[in-house]
């Protein structure tokens, strides 16, 4: 059955993200064993998407903002920002295609933001060397301060 990426889906996802302790909610359009993973992700400004990378050669990742605004930070191995971009639905830049191995993190710049994500399946949990050693992990005490720093990159 076809599933449309429409305002009713976005509202449903935003409501679920707002009630989630993590401030985000994923809607998979795929089965976990499928070779192409396609999902809509609703994000609230309280969510923390830590800098990470995907090391598998088949894990390029495409992100498209369907509603709202995200700040994308691209880092070098030492954690220095080497590129940043505001991605906005209907804006000058609405997405990015990231090759494997690139450290990136997201700052949510607008409530109820929804992005579409596409990458190769099957699902694999984040592996050794994929989370940035220089950034706090989700749940760490330093997250709030680091998240403020990430947001400040877009002021």
C-alpha atoms as a PDB file:
ATOM      1  CA  UNK A   1       0.000   0.000   0.000  1.00  0.00           C
ATOM      2  CA  UNK A   2       1.321   3.444  -0.877  1.00  0.00           C
ATOM      3  CA  UNK A   3       2.034   5.804   2.000  1.00  0.00           C
ATOM      4  CA  UNK A   4       2.034   9.494   1.170  1.00  0.00           C
ATOM      5  CA  UNK A   5       4.482  11.892   2.762  1.00  0.00           C
ATOM      6  CA  UNK A   6       1.860  14.511   3.549  1.00  0.00           C
ATOM      7  CA  UNK A   7       0.903  16.970   6.271  1.00  0.00           C
ATOM      8  CA  UNK A   8      -1.151  14.391   8.165  1.00  0.00           C
ATOM      9  CA  UNK A   9       1.887  12.089   8.393  1.00  0.00           C
ATOM     10  CA  UNK A  10       4.091  15.020   9.455  1.00  0.00           C
ATOM     11  CA  UNK A  11       1.606  16.020  12.193  1.00  0.00           C
ATOM     12  CA  UNK A  12       1.386  12.429  13.446  1.00  0.00           C
ATOM     13  CA  UNK A  13       5.174  12.122  13.592  1.00  0.00           C
ATOM     14  CA  UNK A  14       5.605  15.529  15.269  1.00  0.00           C
ATOM     15  CA  UNK A  15       3.132  14.561  17.977  1.00  0.00           C
ATOM     16  CA  UNK A  16       4.987  11.298  18.622  1.00  0.00           C
ATOM     17  CA  UNK A  17       8.356  13.083  18.682  1.00  0.00           C
ATOM     18  CA  UNK A  18       7.044  15.699  21.115  1.00  0.00           C
ATOM     19  CA  UNK A  19       5.893  12.982  23.513  1.00  0.00           C
ATOM     20  CA  UNK A  20       9.100  10.942  23.179  1.00  0.00           C
ATOM     21  CA  UNK A  21      11.773  11.340  25.873  1.00  0.00           C
ATOM     22  CA  UNK A  22      14.369  11.479  23.056  1.00  0.00           C
ATOM     23  CA  UNK A  23      12.482  14.216  21.171  1.00  0.00           C
ATOM     24  CA  UNK A  24      12.286  12.285  17.916  1.00  0.00           C
ATOM     25  CA  UNK A  25      10.297   9.594  16.168  1.00  0.00           C
ATOM     26  CA  UNK A  26      11.104   7.384  13.159  1.00  0.00           C
ATOM     27  CA  UNK A  27       8.579   6.076  10.644  1.00  0.00           C
ATOM     28  CA  UNK A  28      10.054   3.295   8.524  1.00  0.00           C
ATOM     29  CA  UNK A  29       8.795   2.803   4.979  1.00  0.00           C
ATOM     30  CA  UNK A  30      10.945  -0.343   4.758  1.00  0.00           C
ATOM     31  CA  UNK A  31      11.317  -3.698   6.463  1.00  0.00           C
ATOM     32  CA  UNK A  32      14.548  -4.004   8.456  1.00  0.00           C
ATOM     33  CA  UNK A  33      16.040  -6.663   6.144  1.00  0.00           C
ATOM     34  CA  UNK A  34      15.430  -4.641   2.947  1.00  0.00           C
ATOM     35  CA  UNK A  35      18.502  -3.425   1.040  1.00  0.00           C
ATOM     36  CA  UNK A  36      17.298   0.204   0.951  1.00  0.00           C
ATOM     37  CA  UNK A  37      16.181   1.898   4.154  1.00  0.00           C
ATOM     38  CA  UNK A  38      13.754   4.787   3.748  1.00  0.00           C
ATOM     39  CA  UNK A  39      12.366   6.632   6.738  1.00  0.00           C
ATOM     40  CA  UNK A  40      10.751   9.861   7.844  1.00  0.00           C
ATOM     41  CA  UNK A  41      12.150  11.235  11.088  1.00  0.00           C
ATOM     42  CA  UNK A  42      10.433  13.921  13.124  1.00  0.00           C
ATOM     43  CA  UNK A  43      12.753  15.898  15.390  1.00  0.00           C
ATOM     44  CA  UNK A  44      12.128  18.391  18.162  1.00  0.00           C
ATOM     45  CA  UNK A  45      14.727  20.997  19.264  1.00  0.00           C
ATOM     46  CA  UNK A  46      15.359  19.004  22.453  1.00  0.00           C
ATOM     47  CA  UNK A  47      16.701  15.966  20.594  1.00  0.00           C
ATOM     48  CA  UNK A  48      20.434  15.327  20.437  1.00  0.00           C
ATOM     49  CA  UNK A  49      21.872  13.789  17.288  1.00  0.00           C
ATOM     50  CA  UNK A  50      25.512  13.245  18.252  1.00  0.00           C
ATOM     51  CA  UNK A  51      28.277  13.575  15.700  1.00  0.00           C
ATOM     52  CA  UNK A  52      28.747  10.219  14.030  1.00  0.00           C
ATOM     53  CA  UNK A  53      29.764   8.596  10.771  1.00  0.00           C
ATOM     54  CA  UNK A  54      28.970   5.430   8.884  1.00  0.00           C
ATOM     55  CA  UNK A  55      32.124   3.477   8.071  1.00  0.00           C
ATOM     56  CA  UNK A  56      30.730   0.726   5.839  1.00  0.00           C
ATOM     57  CA  UNK A  57      31.448   1.454   2.191  1.00  0.00           C
ATOM     58  CA  UNK A  58      27.759   0.886   1.387  1.00  0.00           C
ATOM     59  CA  UNK A  59      26.419   3.334   4.000  1.00  0.00           C
ATOM     60  CA  UNK A  60      26.195   6.622   2.114  1.00  0.00           C
ATOM     61  CA  UNK A  61      23.310   8.601   3.624  1.00  0.00           C
ATOM     62  CA  UNK A  62      20.905  11.079   2.058  1.00  0.00           C
ATOM     63  CA  UNK A  63      18.914  13.502   4.223  1.00  0.00           C
ATOM     64  CA  UNK A  64      16.124  15.733   2.871  1.00  0.00           C
ATOM     65  CA  UNK A  65      14.221  18.216   5.035  1.00  0.00           C
ATOM     66  CA  UNK A  66      10.513  17.897   4.302  1.00  0.00           C
ATOM     67  CA  UNK A  67       9.291  20.333   6.967  1.00  0.00           C
ATOM     68  CA  UNK A  68      11.127  22.796   9.191  1.00  0.00           C
ATOM     69  CA  UNK A  69      14.872  23.479   9.468  1.00  0.00           C
ATOM     70  CA  UNK A  70      17.981  21.544  10.450  1.00  0.00           C
ATOM     71  CA  UNK A  71      21.549  22.675  10.926  1.00  0.00           C
ATOM     72  CA  UNK A  72      24.099  20.214   9.542  1.00  0.00           C
ATOM     73  CA  UNK A  73      27.635  20.235  10.931  1.00  0.00           C
ATOM     74  CA  UNK A  74      30.416  18.327   9.170  1.00  0.00           C
ATOM     75  CA  UNK A  75      33.539  17.629  11.211  1.00  0.00           C
ATOM     76  CA  UNK A  76      37.081  16.462  10.584  1.00  0.00           C
ATOM     77  CA  UNK A  77      38.640  13.630  12.600  1.00  0.00           C
ATOM     78  CA  UNK A  78      39.683  16.072  15.365  1.00  0.00           C
ATOM     79  CA  UNK A  79      36.152  17.425  15.824  1.00  0.00           C
ATOM     80  CA  UNK A  80      36.684  20.749  14.066  1.00  0.00           C
ATOM     81  CA  UNK A  81      33.775  22.024  11.982  1.00  0.00           C
ATOM     82  CA  UNK A  82      34.819  21.971   8.336  1.00  0.00           C
ATOM     83  CA  UNK A  83      31.391  22.738   6.856  1.00  0.00           C
ATOM     84  CA  UNK A  84      27.977  23.770   8.065  1.00  0.00           C
ATOM     85  CA  UNK A  85      24.705  24.363   6.325  1.00  0.00           C
ATOM     86  CA  UNK A  86      21.120  25.180   7.159  1.00  0.00           C
ATOM     87  CA  UNK A  87      18.811  22.741   5.424  1.00  0.00           C
ATOM     88  CA  UNK A  88      15.233  23.955   5.099  1.00  0.00           C
ATOM     89  CA  UNK A  89      12.127  22.598   3.436  1.00  0.00           C
ATOM     90  CA  UNK A  90      11.570  24.799   0.390  1.00  0.00           C
ATOM     91  CA  UNK A  91      14.776  26.717   1.115  1.00  0.00           C
ATOM     92  CA  UNK A  92      17.978  27.274  -0.826  1.00  0.00           C
ATOM     93  CA  UNK A  93      19.350  23.972   0.526  1.00  0.00           C
ATOM     94  CA  UNK A  94      16.930  21.222   1.493  1.00  0.00           C
ATOM     95  CA  UNK A  95      19.260  18.283   1.961  1.00  0.00           C
ATOM     96  CA  UNK A  96      22.611  16.572   1.730  1.00  0.00           C
ATOM     97  CA  UNK A  97      24.145  13.391   0.372  1.00  0.00           C
ATOM     98  CA  UNK A  98      26.881  12.205   2.755  1.00  0.00           C
ATOM     99  CA  UNK A  99      29.488   9.680   1.647  1.00  0.00           C
ATOM    100  CA  UNK A 100      30.587   6.986   4.104  1.00  0.00           C
ATOM    101  CA  UNK A 101      33.161   8.029   6.695  1.00  0.00           C
ATOM    102  CA  UNK A 102      32.104  11.679   7.102  1.00  0.00           C
ATOM    103  CA  UNK A 103      31.484  12.823  10.682  1.00  0.00           C
ATOM    104  CA  UNK A 104      28.225  14.763  10.848  1.00  0.00           C
ATOM    105  CA  UNK A 105      25.747  15.996  13.447  1.00  0.00           C
ATOM    106  CA  UNK A 106      22.383  17.723  13.354  1.00  0.00           C
ATOM    107  CA  UNK A 107      20.937  20.654  15.271  1.00  0.00           C
ATOM    108  CA  UNK A 108      17.161  21.036  15.140  1.00  0.00           C
ATOM    109  CA  UNK A 109      16.398  24.690  14.382  1.00  0.00           C
ATOM    110  CA  UNK A 110      12.598  24.536  14.301  1.00  0.00           C
ATOM    111  CA  UNK A 111       9.995  22.522  16.233  1.00  0.00           C
ATOM    112  CA  UNK A 112       8.235  19.690  14.394  1.00  0.00           C
ATOM    113  CA  UNK A 113      10.982  19.347  11.789  1.00  0.00           C
ATOM    114  CA  UNK A 114      10.651  16.280   9.546  1.00  0.00           C
ATOM    115  CA  UNK A 115      13.403  14.816   7.389  1.00  0.00           C
ATOM    116  CA  UNK A 116      13.522  11.919   4.970  1.00  0.00           C
ATOM    117  CA  UNK A 117      16.531   9.633   5.334  1.00  0.00           C
ATOM    118  CA  UNK A 118      17.748   7.031   2.889  1.00  0.00           C
ATOM    119  CA  UNK A 119      20.695   4.646   3.249  1.00  0.00           C
ATOM    120  CA  UNK A 120      21.578   1.053   2.528  1.00  0.00           C
ATOM    121  CA  UNK A 121      20.156  -1.677   4.720  1.00  0.00           C
ATOM    122  CA  UNK A 122      20.049  -3.928   6.516  1.00  0.00           C
ATOM    123  CA  UNK A 123      20.098  -2.059   9.822  1.00  0.00           C
ATOM    124  CA  UNK A 124      23.349  -2.234  11.771  1.00  0.00           C
ATOM    125  CA  UNK A 125      23.826  -0.595  15.178  1.00  0.00           C
ATOM    126  CA  UNK A 126      26.487   2.108  15.365  1.00  0.00           C
ATOM    127  CA  UNK A 127      29.824   0.297  15.396  1.00  0.00           C
ATOM    128  CA  UNK A 128      33.304   0.876  16.741  1.00  0.00           C
ATOM    129  CA  UNK A 129      34.729   4.190  15.536  1.00  0.00           C
ATOM    130  CA  UNK A 130      31.408   5.528  14.242  1.00  0.00           C
ATOM    131  CA  UNK A 131      30.552   7.737  17.238  1.00  0.00           C
ATOM    132  CA  UNK A 132      32.872  10.733  17.605  1.00  0.00           C
ATOM    133  CA  UNK A 133      35.234  10.344  20.573  1.00  0.00           C
ATOM    134  CA  UNK A 134      35.310  14.142  21.023  1.00  0.00           C
ATOM    135  CA  UNK A 135      31.533  14.574  21.485  1.00  0.00           C
ATOM    136  CA  UNK A 136      29.349  13.444  24.385  1.00  0.00           C
ATOM    137  CA  UNK A 137      27.204  10.354  24.007  1.00  0.00           C
ATOM    138  CA  UNK A 138      23.440  10.595  24.304  1.00  0.00           C
ATOM    139  CA  UNK A 139      22.599  10.703  28.031  1.00  0.00           C
ATOM    140  CA  UNK A 140      25.972  12.139  29.141  1.00  0.00           C
ATOM    141  CA  UNK A 141      25.969  15.140  31.492  1.00  0.00           C
ATOM    142  CA  UNK A 142      27.786  17.269  28.883  1.00  0.00           C
ATOM    143  CA  UNK A 143      25.076  16.886  26.224  1.00  0.00           C
ATOM    144  CA  UNK A 144      23.166  20.091  27.081  1.00  0.00           C
ATOM    145  CA  UNK A 145      26.299  22.239  26.827  1.00  0.00           C
ATOM    146  CA  UNK A 146      27.435  20.581  23.593  1.00  0.00           C
ATOM    147  CA  UNK A 147      23.956  20.908  22.110  1.00  0.00           C
ATOM    148  CA  UNK A 148      23.963  24.661  22.898  1.00  0.00           C
ATOM    149  CA  UNK A 149      27.314  24.920  21.122  1.00  0.00           C
ATOM    150  CA  UNK A 150      25.920  23.085  18.083  1.00  0.00           C
ATOM    151  CA  UNK A 151      22.907  25.422  17.936  1.00  0.00           C
ATOM    152  CA  UNK A 152      25.154  28.483  18.314  1.00  0.00           C
ATOM    153  CA  UNK A 153      26.898  27.532  15.051  1.00  0.00           C
ATOM    154  CA  UNK A 154      23.737  28.661  13.255  1.00  0.00           C
ATOM    155  CA  UNK A 155      23.066  31.998  15.016  1.00  0.00           C
END
